[in-house]
N, C-alpha and C. Protein backbone atom coordinates (compact mmCIF):
# COMPACT_ATOMS: atom_id res chain seq x y z
N MET A 1 25.50 -18.61 16.29
CA MET A 1 25.66 -17.20 16.54
C MET A 1 24.89 -16.88 17.81
N SER A 2 25.56 -16.34 18.77
CA SER A 2 24.89 -16.01 20.02
C SER A 2 24.92 -14.50 20.23
N ILE A 3 23.88 -14.03 20.86
CA ILE A 3 23.78 -12.61 21.18
C ILE A 3 23.87 -12.46 22.67
N THR A 4 24.81 -11.67 23.11
CA THR A 4 24.94 -11.46 24.54
C THR A 4 24.32 -10.12 24.90
N THR A 5 23.65 -10.11 26.02
CA THR A 5 23.05 -8.87 26.49
C THR A 5 23.62 -8.54 27.85
N ALA A 6 23.73 -7.29 28.12
CA ALA A 6 24.25 -6.85 29.41
C ALA A 6 23.16 -6.97 30.46
N SER A 7 23.57 -7.15 31.69
CA SER A 7 22.59 -7.29 32.76
C SER A 7 22.03 -5.94 33.17
N HIS A 8 22.70 -4.88 32.82
CA HIS A 8 22.23 -3.54 33.17
C HIS A 8 21.13 -3.14 32.20
N SER A 9 19.96 -2.78 32.71
CA SER A 9 18.81 -2.50 31.85
C SER A 9 19.01 -1.26 30.99
N GLY A 10 19.81 -0.30 31.41
CA GLY A 10 20.06 0.89 30.63
C GLY A 10 20.79 0.57 29.34
N THR A 11 21.73 -0.36 29.39
CA THR A 11 22.46 -0.76 28.20
C THR A 11 21.54 -1.48 27.22
N THR A 12 20.67 -2.34 27.72
CA THR A 12 19.75 -3.07 26.87
C THR A 12 18.77 -2.12 26.19
N THR A 13 18.28 -1.13 26.92
CA THR A 13 17.35 -0.17 26.35
C THR A 13 18.00 0.65 25.26
N SER A 14 19.22 1.11 25.50
CA SER A 14 19.89 1.91 24.47
C SER A 14 20.20 1.07 23.23
N THR A 15 20.49 -0.21 23.42
CA THR A 15 20.74 -1.08 22.28
C THR A 15 19.46 -1.26 21.47
N ARG A 16 18.35 -1.46 22.15
CA ARG A 16 17.07 -1.60 21.45
C ARG A 16 16.71 -0.31 20.73
N THR A 17 16.96 0.81 21.37
CA THR A 17 16.68 2.10 20.75
C THR A 17 17.55 2.30 19.52
N GLN A 18 18.81 1.95 19.63
CA GLN A 18 19.72 2.08 18.48
C GLN A 18 19.28 1.18 17.34
N ARG A 19 18.83 -0.02 17.65
CA ARG A 19 18.35 -0.92 16.60
C ARG A 19 17.10 -0.36 15.93
N LEU A 20 16.20 0.18 16.73
CA LEU A 20 14.97 0.75 16.19
C LEU A 20 15.27 1.95 15.29
N VAL A 21 16.18 2.82 15.73
CA VAL A 21 16.55 3.98 14.93
C VAL A 21 17.21 3.52 13.62
N ALA A 22 18.06 2.52 13.69
CA ALA A 22 18.72 2.01 12.49
C ALA A 22 17.71 1.38 11.53
N ALA A 23 16.75 0.64 12.06
CA ALA A 23 15.73 0.01 11.22
C ALA A 23 14.84 1.06 10.55
N ILE A 24 14.44 2.07 11.29
CA ILE A 24 13.60 3.12 10.72
C ILE A 24 14.39 3.91 9.68
N GLY A 25 15.64 4.22 9.98
CA GLY A 25 16.47 4.95 9.03
C GLY A 25 16.69 4.17 7.74
N ALA A 26 16.93 2.88 7.85
CA ALA A 26 17.12 2.05 6.66
C ALA A 26 15.84 1.96 5.85
N SER A 27 14.71 1.87 6.53
CA SER A 27 13.42 1.81 5.82
C SER A 27 13.14 3.10 5.06
N VAL A 28 13.39 4.22 5.71
CA VAL A 28 13.16 5.52 5.06
C VAL A 28 14.09 5.67 3.86
N LEU A 29 15.35 5.31 4.03
CA LEU A 29 16.29 5.40 2.92
C LEU A 29 15.87 4.50 1.77
N GLY A 30 15.43 3.29 2.07
CA GLY A 30 14.98 2.36 1.04
C GLY A 30 13.79 2.89 0.27
N VAL A 31 12.82 3.45 0.99
CA VAL A 31 11.63 4.00 0.33
C VAL A 31 12.02 5.18 -0.56
N LEU A 32 12.90 6.02 -0.08
CA LEU A 32 13.33 7.16 -0.89
C LEU A 32 14.06 6.71 -2.15
N LEU A 33 14.91 5.70 -2.02
CA LEU A 33 15.63 5.20 -3.20
C LEU A 33 14.68 4.57 -4.22
N VAL A 34 13.72 3.80 -3.74
CA VAL A 34 12.75 3.19 -4.65
C VAL A 34 11.90 4.27 -5.32
N TYR A 35 11.47 5.25 -4.56
CA TYR A 35 10.67 6.34 -5.11
C TYR A 35 11.47 7.11 -6.15
N PHE A 36 12.74 7.43 -5.82
CA PHE A 36 13.59 8.16 -6.76
C PHE A 36 13.80 7.37 -8.05
N ALA A 37 14.11 6.09 -7.92
CA ALA A 37 14.39 5.27 -9.11
C ALA A 37 13.13 5.03 -9.93
N GLY A 38 12.01 4.84 -9.28
CA GLY A 38 10.78 4.53 -9.99
C GLY A 38 10.20 5.71 -10.75
N PHE A 39 10.35 6.89 -10.20
CA PHE A 39 9.76 8.08 -10.81
C PHE A 39 10.79 9.05 -11.38
N SER A 40 12.00 8.55 -11.58
CA SER A 40 13.07 9.39 -12.09
C SER A 40 12.84 9.75 -13.56
N HIS A 41 13.14 10.98 -13.90
CA HIS A 41 13.06 11.41 -15.30
C HIS A 41 14.37 11.12 -16.03
N ILE A 42 15.35 10.64 -15.30
CA ILE A 42 16.62 10.23 -15.91
C ILE A 42 16.43 8.80 -16.41
N ASP A 43 16.47 8.62 -17.71
CA ASP A 43 16.16 7.31 -18.30
C ASP A 43 17.08 6.21 -17.80
N ALA A 44 18.37 6.50 -17.63
CA ALA A 44 19.30 5.46 -17.20
C ALA A 44 18.95 4.94 -15.81
N VAL A 45 18.54 5.81 -14.90
CA VAL A 45 18.18 5.40 -13.54
C VAL A 45 16.90 4.58 -13.57
N HIS A 46 15.91 5.07 -14.28
CA HIS A 46 14.63 4.36 -14.34
C HIS A 46 14.78 2.99 -15.00
N ASN A 47 15.51 2.94 -16.09
CA ASN A 47 15.69 1.67 -16.80
C ASN A 47 16.50 0.67 -15.98
N ALA A 48 17.48 1.12 -15.23
CA ALA A 48 18.26 0.22 -14.37
C ALA A 48 17.37 -0.37 -13.29
N ALA A 49 16.52 0.43 -12.69
CA ALA A 49 15.60 -0.08 -11.67
C ALA A 49 14.60 -1.03 -12.30
N HIS A 50 14.12 -0.71 -13.48
CA HIS A 50 13.15 -1.55 -14.18
C HIS A 50 13.76 -2.90 -14.52
N ASP A 51 14.97 -2.91 -15.04
CA ASP A 51 15.64 -4.16 -15.40
C ASP A 51 15.95 -4.99 -14.16
N THR A 52 16.28 -4.34 -13.06
CA THR A 52 16.56 -5.06 -11.82
C THR A 52 15.30 -5.75 -11.31
N ARG A 53 14.17 -5.08 -11.39
CA ARG A 53 12.91 -5.70 -10.96
C ARG A 53 12.61 -6.92 -11.82
N HIS A 54 12.82 -6.82 -13.12
CA HIS A 54 12.55 -7.95 -14.00
C HIS A 54 13.53 -9.11 -13.73
N SER A 55 14.78 -8.81 -13.47
CA SER A 55 15.76 -9.87 -13.22
C SER A 55 15.49 -10.60 -11.92
N ALA A 56 14.80 -9.94 -10.99
CA ALA A 56 14.44 -10.57 -9.72
C ALA A 56 13.06 -11.24 -9.79
N ALA A 57 12.47 -11.30 -10.98
CA ALA A 57 11.15 -11.89 -11.22
C ALA A 57 10.07 -11.17 -10.42
N PHE A 58 10.23 -9.87 -10.25
CA PHE A 58 9.27 -9.05 -9.53
C PHE A 58 8.44 -8.28 -10.55
N PRO A 59 7.14 -8.51 -10.59
CA PRO A 59 6.33 -7.82 -11.58
C PRO A 59 6.24 -6.32 -11.29
N CYS A 60 6.32 -5.54 -12.34
CA CYS A 60 6.30 -4.10 -12.13
C CYS A 60 5.29 -3.40 -13.03
N HIS A 61 4.53 -4.13 -13.78
CA HIS A 61 3.52 -3.51 -14.66
C HIS A 61 2.15 -3.96 -14.22
C-alpha cells in the first residue's frame, strides 16, 4: 500500500489538517459513546456494553 503526496505544500497541509480533524472527531465520538453506554440508565444499553467488555477480555470491575 503506497501513499502518494502532492508536491504542492498547500495540498499536503490541508490533507494533514483533514486527518487531524477526523482523528479528533472520532476520538470525541468514541469517548461520548463509551460514556453514554457505561453510565446509561437504560439496562439494555449498559448490559450490552458490559457483555462486550467481558467478551473482549477487558476487565471492567
